[in-house]
Amino acid sequence: MPHNLRLYHNICRQLVQWKEERVTRVRNMALLITGLALGMGIHLSDIVSEWPFAGREPSLVNRLRRFLSNSAVDVQKWYRPVAEQLLAPFAGERIRLAVDVTKVGFDQSLMVIGIAYRKRTLPLVWDVYQGGHGHTTVQEQVHLFRVVA
């Protein structure tokens, strides 16, 4: 079984234990997490390129976009148990947080706070803000740090 398929199935099993949710939402969240874990970027096309099944990239990107824009899905609440599991091995230890703000749209910036680990960043929390040039305000940064705390 390919690595990405095995990871996807493991994530699905974990998500079902943490949250009672529609199976389609569980599958889509598992796909998102799989793509974030294995992908080389944060763009939707980078995420779907790691999904464990074939499909045309525009169709897969549209599927992910619809899931992320679904008002019934609170990604932060879904991802919290994942973030807690990422932090668990570091309990009692000092960790390094990486903060990245990237311009992701014409007038949008994505801010990610994650654990710096083995030349990777394991995302803990993120949000998209209006405003160009890849900048965020101090208030926006403090808000995300409070979520991490």
N, C-alpha and C. Protein backbone atom coordinates (compact mmCIF):
# COMPACT_ATOMS: atom_id res chain seq x y z
N MET A 1 0.84 -1.18 0.00
CA MET A 1 0.00 0.00 0.00
C MET A 1 0.89 1.24 0.00
N PRO A 2 0.65 2.19 -0.87
CA PRO A 2 1.47 3.40 -0.91
C PRO A 2 1.41 4.16 0.41
N HIS A 3 2.50 4.85 0.70
CA HIS A 3 2.62 5.57 1.97
C HIS A 3 1.49 6.57 2.17
N ASN A 4 1.15 7.34 1.13
CA ASN A 4 0.11 8.35 1.30
C ASN A 4 -1.27 7.73 1.56
N LEU A 5 -1.53 6.56 1.00
CA LEU A 5 -2.79 5.87 1.24
C LEU A 5 -2.85 5.33 2.66
N ARG A 6 -1.75 4.78 3.12
CA ARG A 6 -1.69 4.27 4.49
C ARG A 6 -1.89 5.42 5.49
N LEU A 7 -1.22 6.56 5.25
CA LEU A 7 -1.36 7.73 6.11
C LEU A 7 -2.81 8.23 6.10
N TYR A 8 -3.39 8.30 4.93
CA TYR A 8 -4.79 8.74 4.80
C TYR A 8 -5.72 7.86 5.63
N HIS A 9 -5.58 6.54 5.55
CA HIS A 9 -6.43 5.63 6.31
C HIS A 9 -6.21 5.78 7.81
N ASN A 10 -4.97 5.94 8.23
CA ASN A 10 -4.69 6.15 9.65
C ASN A 10 -5.33 7.43 10.17
N ILE A 11 -5.25 8.49 9.38
CA ILE A 11 -5.84 9.77 9.78
C ILE A 11 -7.36 9.64 9.85
N CYS A 12 -7.96 8.96 8.88
CA CYS A 12 -9.42 8.74 8.92
C CYS A 12 -9.83 8.03 10.21
N ARG A 13 -9.09 7.00 10.58
CA ARG A 13 -9.41 6.26 11.81
C ARG A 13 -9.32 7.16 13.04
N GLN A 14 -8.29 7.99 13.08
CA GLN A 14 -8.13 8.91 14.21
C GLN A 14 -9.26 9.93 14.26
N LEU A 15 -9.60 10.52 13.12
CA LEU A 15 -10.64 11.55 13.08
C LEU A 15 -11.99 11.00 13.53
N VAL A 16 -12.30 9.77 13.16
CA VAL A 16 -13.57 9.16 13.56
C VAL A 16 -13.61 9.00 15.08
N GLN A 17 -12.48 8.73 15.71
CA GLN A 17 -12.44 8.59 17.16
C GLN A 17 -12.64 9.93 17.87
N TRP A 18 -12.13 11.00 17.28
CA TRP A 18 -12.18 12.31 17.93
C TRP A 18 -13.47 13.06 17.73
N LYS A 19 -14.14 12.83 16.63
CA LYS A 19 -15.26 13.70 16.28
C LYS A 19 -16.31 12.90 15.52
N GLU A 20 -17.57 13.05 15.93
CA GLU A 20 -18.66 12.46 15.17
C GLU A 20 -19.04 13.44 14.08
N GLU A 21 -18.88 13.01 12.87
CA GLU A 21 -19.08 13.90 11.73
C GLU A 21 -19.48 13.07 10.52
N ARG A 22 -20.03 13.73 9.54
CA ARG A 22 -20.38 13.06 8.29
C ARG A 22 -19.13 12.44 7.68
N VAL A 23 -19.30 11.26 7.09
CA VAL A 23 -18.16 10.53 6.54
C VAL A 23 -17.46 11.32 5.44
N THR A 24 -18.22 12.08 4.65
CA THR A 24 -17.58 12.85 3.58
C THR A 24 -16.67 13.94 4.16
N ARG A 25 -17.08 14.54 5.26
CA ARG A 25 -16.24 15.56 5.90
C ARG A 25 -15.00 14.93 6.53
N VAL A 26 -15.17 13.76 7.10
CA VAL A 26 -14.02 13.04 7.67
C VAL A 26 -13.01 12.74 6.57
N ARG A 27 -13.49 12.24 5.46
CA ARG A 27 -12.59 11.91 4.34
C ARG A 27 -11.88 13.15 3.82
N ASN A 28 -12.62 14.24 3.64
CA ASN A 28 -12.00 15.46 3.13
C ASN A 28 -10.97 16.04 4.11
N MET A 29 -11.27 15.98 5.40
CA MET A 29 -10.30 16.47 6.38
C MET A 29 -9.06 15.58 6.37
N ALA A 30 -9.25 14.28 6.26
CA ALA A 30 -8.11 13.37 6.20
C ALA A 30 -7.26 13.65 4.96
N LEU A 31 -7.91 13.95 3.86
CA LEU A 31 -7.17 14.30 2.64
C LEU A 31 -6.38 15.59 2.83
N LEU A 32 -7.01 16.59 3.45
CA LEU A 32 -6.31 17.85 3.72
C LEU A 32 -5.08 17.61 4.58
N ILE A 33 -5.23 16.87 5.66
CA ILE A 33 -4.10 16.62 6.57
C ILE A 33 -3.01 15.81 5.87
N THR A 34 -3.40 14.81 5.10
CA THR A 34 -2.43 14.02 4.34
C THR A 34 -1.63 14.91 3.40
N GLY A 35 -2.33 15.76 2.66
CA GLY A 35 -1.66 16.66 1.73
C GLY A 35 -0.74 17.66 2.42
N LEU A 36 -1.17 18.17 3.58
CA LEU A 36 -0.31 19.10 4.33
C LEU A 36 0.93 18.39 4.87
N ALA A 37 0.73 17.16 5.34
CA ALA A 37 1.85 16.42 5.93
C ALA A 37 2.89 16.03 4.88
N LEU A 38 2.45 15.65 3.71
CA LEU A 38 3.37 15.13 2.71
C LEU A 38 3.74 16.15 1.63
N GLY A 39 2.95 17.18 1.49
CA GLY A 39 3.16 18.15 0.43
C GLY A 39 4.36 19.04 0.65
N MET A 40 4.77 19.66 -0.41
CA MET A 40 5.93 20.55 -0.35
C MET A 40 5.52 22.02 -0.33
N GLY A 41 4.26 22.29 -0.12
CA GLY A 41 3.81 23.66 -0.09
C GLY A 41 2.42 23.77 0.51
N ILE A 42 1.94 25.01 0.56
CA ILE A 42 0.63 25.24 1.17
C ILE A 42 -0.44 25.56 0.13
N HIS A 43 -0.06 25.68 -1.11
CA HIS A 43 -1.05 25.95 -2.13
C HIS A 43 -1.92 24.72 -2.33
N LEU A 44 -3.16 24.94 -2.66
CA LEU A 44 -4.09 23.82 -2.80
C LEU A 44 -3.59 22.79 -3.80
N SER A 45 -2.96 23.24 -4.87
CA SER A 45 -2.44 22.29 -5.86
C SER A 45 -1.32 21.43 -5.27
N ASP A 46 -0.51 22.00 -4.38
CA ASP A 46 0.54 21.22 -3.71
C ASP A 46 -0.07 20.18 -2.77
N ILE A 47 -1.13 20.56 -2.09
CA ILE A 47 -1.79 19.65 -1.15
C ILE A 47 -2.42 18.48 -1.89
N VAL A 48 -3.19 18.77 -2.96
CA VAL A 48 -3.89 17.68 -3.65
C VAL A 48 -2.93 16.78 -4.42
N SER A 49 -1.73 17.26 -4.73
CA SER A 49 -0.77 16.42 -5.46
C SER A 49 -0.33 15.22 -4.62
N GLU A 50 -0.54 15.27 -3.30
CA GLU A 50 -0.15 14.17 -2.41
C GLU A 50 -1.32 13.27 -2.04
N TRP A 51 -2.49 13.53 -2.58
CA TRP A 51 -3.65 12.71 -2.25
C TRP A 51 -3.46 11.30 -2.82
N PRO A 52 -4.00 10.30 -2.12
CA PRO A 52 -3.74 8.91 -2.50
C PRO A 52 -4.61 8.36 -3.62
N PHE A 53 -5.21 9.20 -4.41
CA PHE A 53 -5.98 8.70 -5.54
C PHE A 53 -5.84 9.66 -6.71
N ALA A 54 -6.14 9.14 -7.87
CA ALA A 54 -5.95 9.91 -9.10
C ALA A 54 -7.16 10.81 -9.35
N GLY A 55 -6.90 11.83 -10.10
CA GLY A 55 -7.95 12.75 -10.50
C GLY A 55 -7.31 13.95 -11.17
N ARG A 56 -8.10 14.69 -11.90
CA ARG A 56 -7.57 15.89 -12.53
C ARG A 56 -7.34 16.94 -11.46
N GLU A 57 -6.18 17.58 -11.51
CA GLU A 57 -5.82 18.55 -10.47
C GLU A 57 -6.88 19.63 -10.27
N PRO A 58 -7.42 20.24 -11.34
CA PRO A 58 -8.44 21.28 -11.10
C PRO A 58 -9.67 20.75 -10.34
N SER A 59 -10.06 19.52 -10.63
CA SER A 59 -11.21 18.93 -9.94
C SER A 59 -10.90 18.69 -8.46
N LEU A 60 -9.69 18.20 -8.18
CA LEU A 60 -9.30 17.95 -6.79
C LEU A 60 -9.17 19.26 -6.02
N VAL A 61 -8.59 20.27 -6.66
CA VAL A 61 -8.46 21.59 -6.02
C VAL A 61 -9.85 22.15 -5.72
N ASN A 62 -10.77 22.02 -6.65
CA ASN A 62 -12.14 22.50 -6.42
C ASN A 62 -12.81 21.76 -5.27
N ARG A 63 -12.57 20.46 -5.18
CA ARG A 63 -13.13 19.68 -4.08
C ARG A 63 -12.60 20.20 -2.75
N LEU A 64 -11.30 20.43 -2.66
CA LEU A 64 -10.71 20.93 -1.42
C LEU A 64 -11.21 22.34 -1.13
N ARG A 65 -11.30 23.17 -2.14
CA ARG A 65 -11.79 24.55 -1.96
C ARG A 65 -13.22 24.54 -1.42
N ARG A 66 -14.08 23.67 -1.96
CA ARG A 66 -15.46 23.58 -1.46
C ARG A 66 -15.49 23.13 -0.01
N PHE A 67 -14.65 22.18 0.35
CA PHE A 67 -14.59 21.71 1.73
C PHE A 67 -14.15 22.83 2.66
N LEU A 68 -13.11 23.55 2.28
CA LEU A 68 -12.59 24.62 3.14
C LEU A 68 -13.55 25.79 3.25
N SER A 69 -14.38 26.00 2.25
CA SER A 69 -15.32 27.12 2.31
C SER A 69 -16.67 26.71 2.89
N ASN A 70 -16.83 25.46 3.25
CA ASN A 70 -18.08 24.96 3.83
C ASN A 70 -18.24 25.58 5.22
N SER A 71 -19.31 26.34 5.42
CA SER A 71 -19.52 27.02 6.70
C SER A 71 -19.76 26.04 7.85
N ALA A 72 -20.12 24.80 7.55
CA ALA A 72 -20.34 23.80 8.59
C ALA A 72 -19.03 23.19 9.09
N VAL A 73 -17.93 23.52 8.45
CA VAL A 73 -16.63 22.95 8.81
C VAL A 73 -15.79 24.03 9.48
N ASP A 74 -15.44 23.81 10.74
CA ASP A 74 -14.53 24.69 11.46
C ASP A 74 -13.18 23.99 11.51
N VAL A 75 -12.31 24.36 10.59
CA VAL A 75 -11.03 23.66 10.42
C VAL A 75 -10.22 23.70 11.71
N GLN A 76 -10.24 24.81 12.44
CA GLN A 76 -9.46 24.91 13.67
C GLN A 76 -9.92 23.86 14.69
N LYS A 77 -11.23 23.67 14.84
CA LYS A 77 -11.72 22.67 15.79
C LYS A 77 -11.39 21.25 15.34
N TRP A 78 -11.45 21.03 14.03
CA TRP A 78 -11.10 19.71 13.50
C TRP A 78 -9.63 19.41 13.73
N TYR A 79 -8.82 20.41 13.52
CA TYR A 79 -7.37 20.19 13.54
C TYR A 79 -6.80 20.19 14.95
N ARG A 80 -7.53 20.70 15.93
CA ARG A 80 -7.02 20.79 17.30
C ARG A 80 -6.50 19.45 17.83
N PRO A 81 -7.25 18.34 17.71
CA PRO A 81 -6.71 17.06 18.20
C PRO A 81 -5.42 16.65 17.48
N VAL A 82 -5.32 17.00 16.20
CA VAL A 82 -4.09 16.70 15.46
C VAL A 82 -2.93 17.52 16.05
N ALA A 83 -3.18 18.81 16.28
CA ALA A 83 -2.14 19.67 16.86
C ALA A 83 -1.74 19.17 18.25
N GLU A 84 -2.70 18.72 19.03
CA GLU A 84 -2.39 18.19 20.36
C GLU A 84 -1.51 16.95 20.26
N GLN A 85 -1.78 16.10 19.26
CA GLN A 85 -0.93 14.92 19.08
C GLN A 85 0.46 15.30 18.61
N LEU A 86 0.56 16.36 17.79
CA LEU A 86 1.87 16.82 17.36
C LEU A 86 2.69 17.34 18.54
N LEU A 87 2.02 17.96 19.50
CA LEU A 87 2.71 18.53 20.66
C LEU A 87 3.04 17.49 21.73
N ALA A 88 2.29 16.41 21.79
CA ALA A 88 2.44 15.42 22.86
C ALA A 88 3.88 14.91 23.04
N PRO A 89 4.61 14.56 21.98
CA PRO A 89 5.97 14.05 22.18
C PRO A 89 6.93 15.09 22.77
N PHE A 90 6.55 16.36 22.72
CA PHE A 90 7.43 17.42 23.19
C PHE A 90 7.05 17.91 24.58
N ALA A 91 6.15 17.21 25.27
CA ALA A 91 5.70 17.64 26.60
C ALA A 91 6.90 17.80 27.53
N GLY A 92 6.97 18.96 28.18
CA GLY A 92 8.05 19.23 29.12
C GLY A 92 9.34 19.68 28.47
N GLU A 93 9.39 19.70 27.16
CA GLU A 93 10.60 20.12 26.44
C GLU A 93 10.38 21.49 25.82
N ARG A 94 11.48 22.15 25.54
CA ARG A 94 11.41 23.40 24.81
C ARG A 94 11.20 23.08 23.34
N ILE A 95 10.32 23.83 22.73
CA ILE A 95 10.10 23.65 21.29
C ILE A 95 10.33 24.99 20.60
N ARG A 96 10.65 24.91 19.34
CA ARG A 96 10.82 26.11 18.53
C ARG A 96 9.60 26.26 17.65
N LEU A 97 9.02 27.43 17.73
CA LEU A 97 7.88 27.72 16.88
C LEU A 97 8.36 28.50 15.66
N ALA A 98 7.84 28.12 14.53
CA ALA A 98 8.13 28.84 13.29
C ALA A 98 6.87 29.62 12.91
N VAL A 99 7.07 30.86 12.53
CA VAL A 99 5.97 31.71 12.11
C VAL A 99 6.22 32.09 10.66
N ASP A 100 5.22 31.90 9.83
CA ASP A 100 5.37 32.23 8.42
C ASP A 100 4.12 32.94 7.94
N VAL A 101 4.34 34.04 7.24
CA VAL A 101 3.25 34.76 6.60
C VAL A 101 3.54 34.76 5.10
N THR A 102 2.61 34.23 4.34
CA THR A 102 2.79 34.08 2.90
C THR A 102 1.61 34.70 2.18
N LYS A 103 1.90 35.44 1.14
CA LYS A 103 0.84 35.97 0.29
C LYS A 103 0.27 34.81 -0.52
N VAL A 104 -1.04 34.58 -0.39
CA VAL A 104 -1.65 33.43 -1.07
C VAL A 104 -2.70 33.82 -2.08
N GLY A 105 -3.05 35.04 -2.16
CA GLY A 105 -4.04 35.50 -3.12
C GLY A 105 -3.76 36.93 -3.48
N PHE A 106 -4.63 37.49 -4.30
CA PHE A 106 -4.45 38.87 -4.73
C PHE A 106 -4.35 39.81 -3.54
N ASP A 107 -5.22 39.62 -2.55
CA ASP A 107 -5.24 40.50 -1.40
C ASP A 107 -5.37 39.70 -0.10
N GLN A 108 -4.70 38.53 -0.04
CA GLN A 108 -4.79 37.68 1.14
C GLN A 108 -3.42 37.18 1.56
N SER A 109 -3.26 37.03 2.88
CA SER A 109 -2.04 36.47 3.43
C SER A 109 -2.40 35.32 4.35
N LEU A 110 -1.59 34.28 4.33
CA LEU A 110 -1.77 33.13 5.20
C LEU A 110 -0.69 33.19 6.27
N MET A 111 -1.11 33.17 7.53
CA MET A 111 -0.15 33.12 8.63
C MET A 111 -0.24 31.74 9.28
N VAL A 112 0.91 31.09 9.42
CA VAL A 112 0.99 29.74 9.99
C VAL A 112 1.96 29.79 11.17
N ILE A 113 1.56 29.18 12.28
CA ILE A 113 2.47 28.96 13.40
C ILE A 113 2.59 27.45 13.56
N GLY A 114 3.83 26.97 13.58
CA GLY A 114 4.04 25.53 13.68
C GLY A 114 5.29 25.19 14.46
N ILE A 115 5.48 23.91 14.68
CA ILE A 115 6.66 23.41 15.38
C ILE A 115 7.77 23.20 14.36
N ALA A 116 8.92 23.79 14.60
CA ALA A 116 10.08 23.56 13.74
C ALA A 116 10.67 22.21 14.15
N TYR A 117 10.70 21.27 13.21
CA TYR A 117 11.13 19.91 13.52
C TYR A 117 11.74 19.26 12.28
N ARG A 118 13.00 18.89 12.38
CA ARG A 118 13.71 18.18 11.31
C ARG A 118 13.52 18.82 9.93
N LYS A 119 13.85 20.06 9.83
CA LYS A 119 13.79 20.82 8.58
C LYS A 119 12.37 20.93 8.02
N ARG A 120 11.36 20.71 8.87
CA ARG A 120 9.96 20.85 8.46
C ARG A 120 9.26 21.71 9.51
N THR A 121 8.11 22.19 9.16
CA THR A 121 7.25 22.87 10.12
C THR A 121 5.96 22.08 10.21
N LEU A 122 5.65 21.63 11.42
CA LEU A 122 4.41 20.90 11.66
C LEU A 122 3.37 21.93 12.08
N PRO A 123 2.40 22.24 11.23
CA PRO A 123 1.48 23.34 11.51
C PRO A 123 0.60 23.08 12.73
N LEU A 124 0.50 24.08 13.59
CA LEU A 124 -0.36 24.02 14.75
C LEU A 124 -1.64 24.83 14.55
N VAL A 125 -1.48 26.01 13.97
CA VAL A 125 -2.61 26.90 13.77
C VAL A 125 -2.32 27.81 12.58
N TRP A 126 -3.36 28.22 11.89
CA TRP A 126 -3.19 29.11 10.76
C TRP A 126 -4.47 29.91 10.55
N ASP A 127 -4.34 31.00 9.83
CA ASP A 127 -5.50 31.80 9.46
C ASP A 127 -5.16 32.62 8.22
N VAL A 128 -6.20 32.99 7.50
CA VAL A 128 -6.04 33.81 6.30
C VAL A 128 -6.54 35.21 6.63
N TYR A 129 -5.75 36.21 6.24
CA TYR A 129 -6.09 37.60 6.52
C TYR A 129 -6.16 38.39 5.24
N GLN A 130 -7.03 39.39 5.25
CA GLN A 130 -7.12 40.31 4.12
C GLN A 130 -5.96 41.28 4.19
N GLY A 131 -5.44 41.65 3.06
CA GLY A 131 -4.31 42.58 3.00
C GLY A 131 -3.18 41.95 2.23
N GLY A 132 -2.60 42.70 1.36
CA GLY A 132 -1.56 42.15 0.49
C GLY A 132 -0.17 42.20 1.08
N HIS A 133 0.79 41.91 0.27
CA HIS A 133 2.22 42.00 0.55
C HIS A 133 2.71 41.01 1.60
N GLY A 134 1.91 40.05 2.01
CA GLY A 134 2.37 39.05 2.96
C GLY A 134 2.60 39.59 4.35
N HIS A 135 1.89 40.65 4.74
CA HIS A 135 2.05 41.24 6.06
C HIS A 135 0.79 41.00 6.90
N THR A 136 0.98 40.91 8.21
CA THR A 136 -0.15 40.83 9.13
C THR A 136 0.08 41.86 10.23
N THR A 137 -1.00 42.21 10.91
CA THR A 137 -0.89 43.18 12.00
C THR A 137 -0.47 42.49 13.29
N VAL A 138 -0.04 43.28 14.24
CA VAL A 138 0.35 42.73 15.55
C VAL A 138 -0.86 42.05 16.20
N GLN A 139 -2.04 42.64 16.07
CA GLN A 139 -3.24 42.05 16.66
C GLN A 139 -3.53 40.67 16.06
N GLU A 140 -3.34 40.52 14.76
CA GLU A 140 -3.57 39.23 14.12
C GLU A 140 -2.55 38.20 14.60
N GLN A 141 -1.31 38.62 14.76
CA GLN A 141 -0.27 37.71 15.24
C GLN A 141 -0.54 37.29 16.68
N VAL A 142 -0.90 38.25 17.54
CA VAL A 142 -1.18 37.95 18.94
C VAL A 142 -2.37 36.99 19.03
N HIS A 143 -3.39 37.21 18.20
CA HIS A 143 -4.55 36.32 18.20
C HIS A 143 -4.14 34.86 17.95
N LEU A 144 -3.30 34.63 16.93
CA LEU A 144 -2.88 33.25 16.63
C LEU A 144 -2.00 32.67 17.74
N PHE A 145 -1.14 33.49 18.32
CA PHE A 145 -0.31 32.98 19.43
C PHE A 145 -1.18 32.60 20.64
N ARG A 146 -2.25 33.33 20.85
CA ARG A 146 -3.16 32.97 21.95
C ARG A 146 -3.85 31.64 21.67
N VAL A 147 -4.17 31.37 20.42
CA VAL A 147 -4.77 30.09 20.06
C VAL A 147 -3.79 28.95 20.35
N VAL A 148 -2.52 29.18 20.03
CA VAL A 148 -1.49 28.16 20.27
C VAL A 148 -1.31 27.93 21.78
N ALA A 149 -1.34 29.01 22.55
CA ALA A 149 -1.14 28.91 24.00
C ALA A 149 -2.28 28.14 24.60
